[in-house]
Amino acid sequence: MAADRPRPSLPLPAQSCDSEARVVTPADRPPIRDILSAPDIPDGISRFNSIPPEAAEALLLTCCGSSRWVRRLIEHRPYPDLGALLAAAEEAVYDMRPADLAEALANESASPKFPPSTLRCPVARTALRAAHAVYESRFGHTFVICLDPAHPDEHLDQVLTGIHARLGNEPEEERAIVAEELRGIARARLAHLVRGGADKGADAF
């Protein structure tokens, strides 16, 4: 990173307007379709290994939007345990080509979403939208950051701080950071799905 590169102006509020205000980012688990139909298989990884490829594909796409990443994880089933699945997922991210990375980014939400409580905090919403706009203007794609395991109350400040810190990166440097953030996001989503299978029914593996 060039030490003398000027950073675009970016609003950074010192704190949220209330303790509940936060942004829902790609690190949060997206909605899962009701496609699992094997309640007799209690173990999450066993269920993932046994569901049809089409069902596995639909679920994996909620973890990472790269179709090549998804195909690779499906082709290497069965996995002996969650650790093996997560290791395979990380390796698949590291092997992403530029086109795969672009596809994954395109499938992430480009529009920040807020819980109802932030309706009381227009300053926070405005700051977040402005920050995303500055980032996307510089790099040409949506901003992604893995917030696991940060407390939800800290998400808004972490997103704004992350955007501000990364605006000075060169495009090649930022692509490497984006790949690492996508790796963390995919890992967190996968772990949540598999570990939640025992008590969340169709909302998880």
Protein backbone atom coordinates (compact mmCIF):
# COMPACT_ATOMS: atom_id res chain seq x y z
CA MET A 1 0.00 0.00 0.00
CA ALA A 2 1.40 3.39 -0.93
CA ALA A 3 2.07 5.41 2.21
CA ASP A 4 1.13 8.71 0.54
CA ARG A 5 -2.08 7.55 -1.20
CA PRO A 6 -4.92 9.92 -0.23
CA ARG A 7 -8.01 8.19 1.05
CA PRO A 8 -11.46 9.30 -0.13
CA SER A 9 -13.55 11.13 2.41
CA LEU A 10 -15.68 8.74 4.41
CA PRO A 11 -18.16 9.38 7.23
CA LEU A 12 -17.26 7.46 10.37
CA PRO A 13 -19.68 7.98 13.26
CA ALA A 14 -18.13 7.56 16.66
CA GLN A 15 -20.93 5.29 17.85
CA SER A 16 -24.27 3.81 16.87
CA CYS A 17 -27.44 5.77 17.62
CA ASP A 18 -28.64 2.99 19.91
CA SER A 19 -27.27 -0.26 21.23
CA GLU A 20 -29.36 -2.36 18.84
CA ALA A 21 -28.40 -0.59 15.63
CA ARG A 22 -26.34 -2.82 13.40
CA VAL A 23 -25.91 -3.75 9.77
CA VAL A 24 -26.64 -7.19 8.39
CA THR A 25 -23.66 -8.07 6.21
CA PRO A 26 -22.68 -11.15 4.18
CA ALA A 27 -21.27 -12.67 7.34
CA ASP A 28 -24.79 -13.24 8.61
CA ARG A 29 -26.47 -16.46 7.55
CA PRO A 30 -28.91 -15.83 4.69
CA PRO A 31 -32.37 -17.44 4.60
CA ILE A 32 -32.30 -21.17 3.76
CA ARG A 33 -34.98 -22.79 1.61
CA ASP A 34 -37.01 -25.67 3.01
CA ILE A 35 -35.39 -28.42 0.94
CA LEU A 36 -34.10 -30.92 3.48
CA SER A 37 -36.29 -33.97 3.98
CA ALA A 38 -34.24 -36.44 6.03
CA PRO A 39 -35.25 -35.90 9.69
CA ASP A 40 -34.20 -39.47 10.48
CA ILE A 41 -30.53 -38.48 9.97
CA PRO A 42 -29.67 -36.49 13.12
CA ASP A 43 -26.04 -35.75 12.35
CA GLY A 44 -25.50 -32.61 10.28
CA ILE A 45 -22.50 -33.85 8.29
CA SER A 46 -24.26 -37.15 7.54
CA ARG A 47 -27.22 -35.25 6.23
CA PHE A 48 -25.01 -33.06 4.07
CA ASN A 49 -23.33 -36.16 2.65
CA SER A 50 -26.66 -37.81 1.85
CA ILE A 51 -28.87 -35.08 0.39
CA PRO A 52 -29.24 -34.96 -3.43
CA PRO A 53 -26.67 -32.89 -5.35
CA GLU A 54 -29.34 -30.34 -6.33
CA ALA A 55 -30.27 -29.76 -2.69
CA ALA A 56 -26.62 -29.52 -1.64
CA GLU A 57 -25.96 -27.03 -4.43
CA ALA A 58 -28.84 -24.77 -3.37
CA LEU A 59 -27.64 -24.74 0.22
CA LEU A 60 -23.97 -24.26 -0.57
CA LEU A 61 -24.76 -21.30 -2.81
CA THR A 62 -26.05 -19.52 0.30
CA CYS A 63 -22.56 -19.91 1.78
CA CYS A 64 -20.53 -18.83 -1.25
CA GLY A 65 -21.82 -17.68 -4.63
CA SER A 66 -19.11 -19.32 -6.74
CA SER A 67 -20.57 -22.22 -8.74
CA ARG A 68 -17.12 -23.78 -9.12
CA TRP A 69 -16.62 -23.68 -5.34
CA VAL A 70 -19.99 -25.37 -4.87
CA ARG A 71 -19.33 -28.09 -7.44
CA ARG A 72 -15.99 -28.87 -5.89
CA LEU A 73 -17.46 -29.42 -2.43
CA ILE A 74 -20.23 -31.60 -3.80
CA GLU A 75 -17.87 -33.71 -5.90
CA HIS A 76 -15.69 -34.50 -2.89
CA ARG A 77 -18.49 -35.88 -0.72
CA PRO A 78 -18.68 -37.73 1.61
CA TYR A 79 -16.81 -35.88 4.35
CA PRO A 80 -15.89 -37.72 7.57
CA ASP A 81 -16.62 -34.73 9.79
CA LEU A 82 -17.22 -31.00 9.88
CA GLY A 83 -13.51 -30.24 10.09
CA ALA A 84 -12.87 -32.02 6.80
CA LEU A 85 -15.71 -30.12 5.12
CA LEU A 86 -14.44 -26.76 6.38
CA ALA A 87 -10.89 -27.57 5.29
CA ALA A 88 -12.14 -28.46 1.81
CA ALA A 89 -14.18 -25.26 1.68
CA GLU A 90 -11.15 -23.15 2.57
CA GLU A 91 -8.94 -24.88 0.01
CA ALA A 92 -11.59 -24.32 -2.66
CA VAL A 93 -11.62 -20.58 -1.89
CA TYR A 94 -7.83 -20.39 -2.14
CA ASP A 95 -8.06 -22.03 -5.58
CA MET A 96 -10.60 -19.53 -6.90
CA ARG A 97 -9.78 -17.92 -10.22
CA PRO A 98 -10.58 -14.23 -10.82
CA ALA A 99 -13.82 -15.19 -12.57
CA ASP A 100 -14.86 -17.33 -9.59
CA LEU A 101 -14.15 -14.48 -7.20
CA ALA A 102 -16.17 -12.09 -9.34
CA GLU A 103 -19.09 -14.53 -9.40
CA ALA A 104 -19.00 -14.93 -5.63
CA LEU A 105 -18.94 -11.16 -5.13
CA ALA A 106 -21.80 -10.66 -7.57
CA ASN A 107 -23.93 -13.03 -5.51
CA GLU A 108 -23.33 -11.16 -2.26
CA SER A 109 -25.84 -8.53 -1.26
CA ALA A 110 -24.78 -5.11 -2.50
CA SER A 111 -27.50 -3.35 -0.49
CA PRO A 112 -27.01 -3.13 3.28
CA LYS A 113 -30.08 -4.22 5.25
CA PHE A 114 -31.06 -2.96 8.67
CA PRO A 115 -33.25 -4.28 11.49
CA PRO A 116 -36.32 -2.19 12.37
CA SER A 117 -34.52 -0.60 15.33
CA THR A 118 -32.23 1.35 13.00
CA LEU A 119 -35.21 3.29 11.67
CA ARG A 120 -34.46 5.49 14.68
CA CYS A 121 -30.92 6.02 13.44
CA PRO A 122 -30.88 7.64 9.98
CA VAL A 123 -27.33 8.88 10.52
CA ALA A 124 -26.02 5.31 10.76
CA ARG A 125 -27.89 4.22 7.62
CA THR A 126 -26.67 7.23 5.68
CA ALA A 127 -23.07 6.68 6.77
CA LEU A 128 -23.17 3.03 5.75
CA ARG A 129 -24.67 3.70 2.33
CA ALA A 130 -22.15 6.46 1.68
CA ALA A 131 -19.27 4.21 2.74
CA HIS A 132 -20.39 1.39 0.47
CA ALA A 133 -20.78 3.81 -2.44
CA VAL A 134 -17.24 5.13 -2.00
CA TYR A 135 -15.82 1.60 -1.81
CA GLU A 136 -17.74 0.35 -4.86
CA SER A 137 -16.69 3.39 -6.86
CA ARG A 138 -13.05 2.63 -6.08
CA PHE A 139 -13.01 -1.15 -6.57
CA GLY A 140 -16.03 -1.90 -8.75
CA HIS A 141 -17.66 -4.46 -6.46
CA THR A 142 -19.51 -4.73 -3.18
CA PHE A 143 -17.64 -4.63 0.12
CA VAL A 144 -17.44 -7.90 2.06
CA ILE A 145 -16.13 -8.52 5.54
CA CYS A 146 -16.32 -11.51 7.86
CA LEU A 147 -17.73 -10.38 11.21
CA ASP A 148 -17.65 -13.77 12.91
CA PRO A 149 -17.49 -13.86 15.93
CA ALA A 150 -18.03 -10.14 16.59
CA HIS A 151 -21.04 -9.16 18.69
CA PRO A 152 -23.89 -7.79 16.54
CA ASP A 153 -23.75 -4.47 18.38
CA GLU A 154 -20.24 -3.99 16.96
CA HIS A 155 -21.07 -4.82 13.33
CA LEU A 156 -21.85 -1.32 12.10
CA ASP A 157 -18.67 0.22 13.47
CA GLN A 158 -16.57 -2.70 12.20
CA VAL A 159 -17.98 -2.40 8.69
CA LEU A 160 -17.40 1.35 8.52
CA THR A 161 -13.91 1.04 9.98
CA GLY A 162 -13.10 -1.83 7.61
CA ILE A 163 -14.16 0.14 4.54
CA HIS A 164 -12.15 3.15 5.65
CA ALA A 165 -9.04 1.05 6.29
CA ARG A 166 -9.22 -0.74 2.94
CA LEU A 167 -9.91 2.23 0.67
CA GLY A 168 -6.18 2.92 0.38
CA ASN A 169 -5.39 -0.57 -0.94
CA GLU A 170 -4.27 -1.21 -4.48
CA PRO A 171 -6.81 -3.29 -6.47
CA GLU A 172 -4.61 -6.39 -6.45
CA GLU A 173 -4.07 -6.13 -2.71
CA GLU A 174 -7.78 -5.65 -2.13
CA ARG A 175 -8.62 -8.73 -4.22
CA ALA A 176 -6.46 -10.84 -1.93
CA ILE A 177 -8.20 -9.41 1.13
CA VAL A 178 -11.62 -10.01 -0.44
CA ALA A 179 -10.74 -13.67 -1.05
CA GLU A 180 -9.71 -14.04 2.59
CA GLU A 181 -12.93 -12.40 3.79
CA LEU A 182 -15.01 -14.66 1.54
CA ARG A 183 -13.16 -17.65 2.99
CA GLY A 184 -14.12 -16.61 6.50
CA ILE A 185 -17.71 -15.88 5.51
CA ALA A 186 -18.14 -19.25 3.78
CA ARG A 187 -16.57 -21.07 6.72
CA ALA A 188 -18.86 -19.37 9.25
CA ARG A 189 -21.96 -20.06 7.18
CA LEU A 190 -21.06 -23.70 6.61
CA ALA A 191 -20.33 -24.28 10.28
CA HIS A 192 -23.60 -22.65 11.27
CA LEU A 193 -25.59 -24.81 8.86
CA VAL A 194 -23.99 -28.10 9.82
CA ARG A 195 -23.94 -27.50 13.57
CA GLY A 196 -27.53 -26.29 13.52
CA GLY A 197 -28.85 -29.40 11.81
CA ALA A 198 -29.73 -31.24 15.00
CA ASP A 199 -32.16 -28.64 16.34
CA LYS A 200 -33.15 -26.37 13.45
CA GLY A 201 -34.67 -28.89 11.06
CA ALA A 202 -34.98 -27.61 7.51
CA ASP A 203 -33.09 -24.40 8.28
CA ALA A 204 -29.78 -26.27 8.39
CA PHE A 205 -28.01 -29.43 7.29
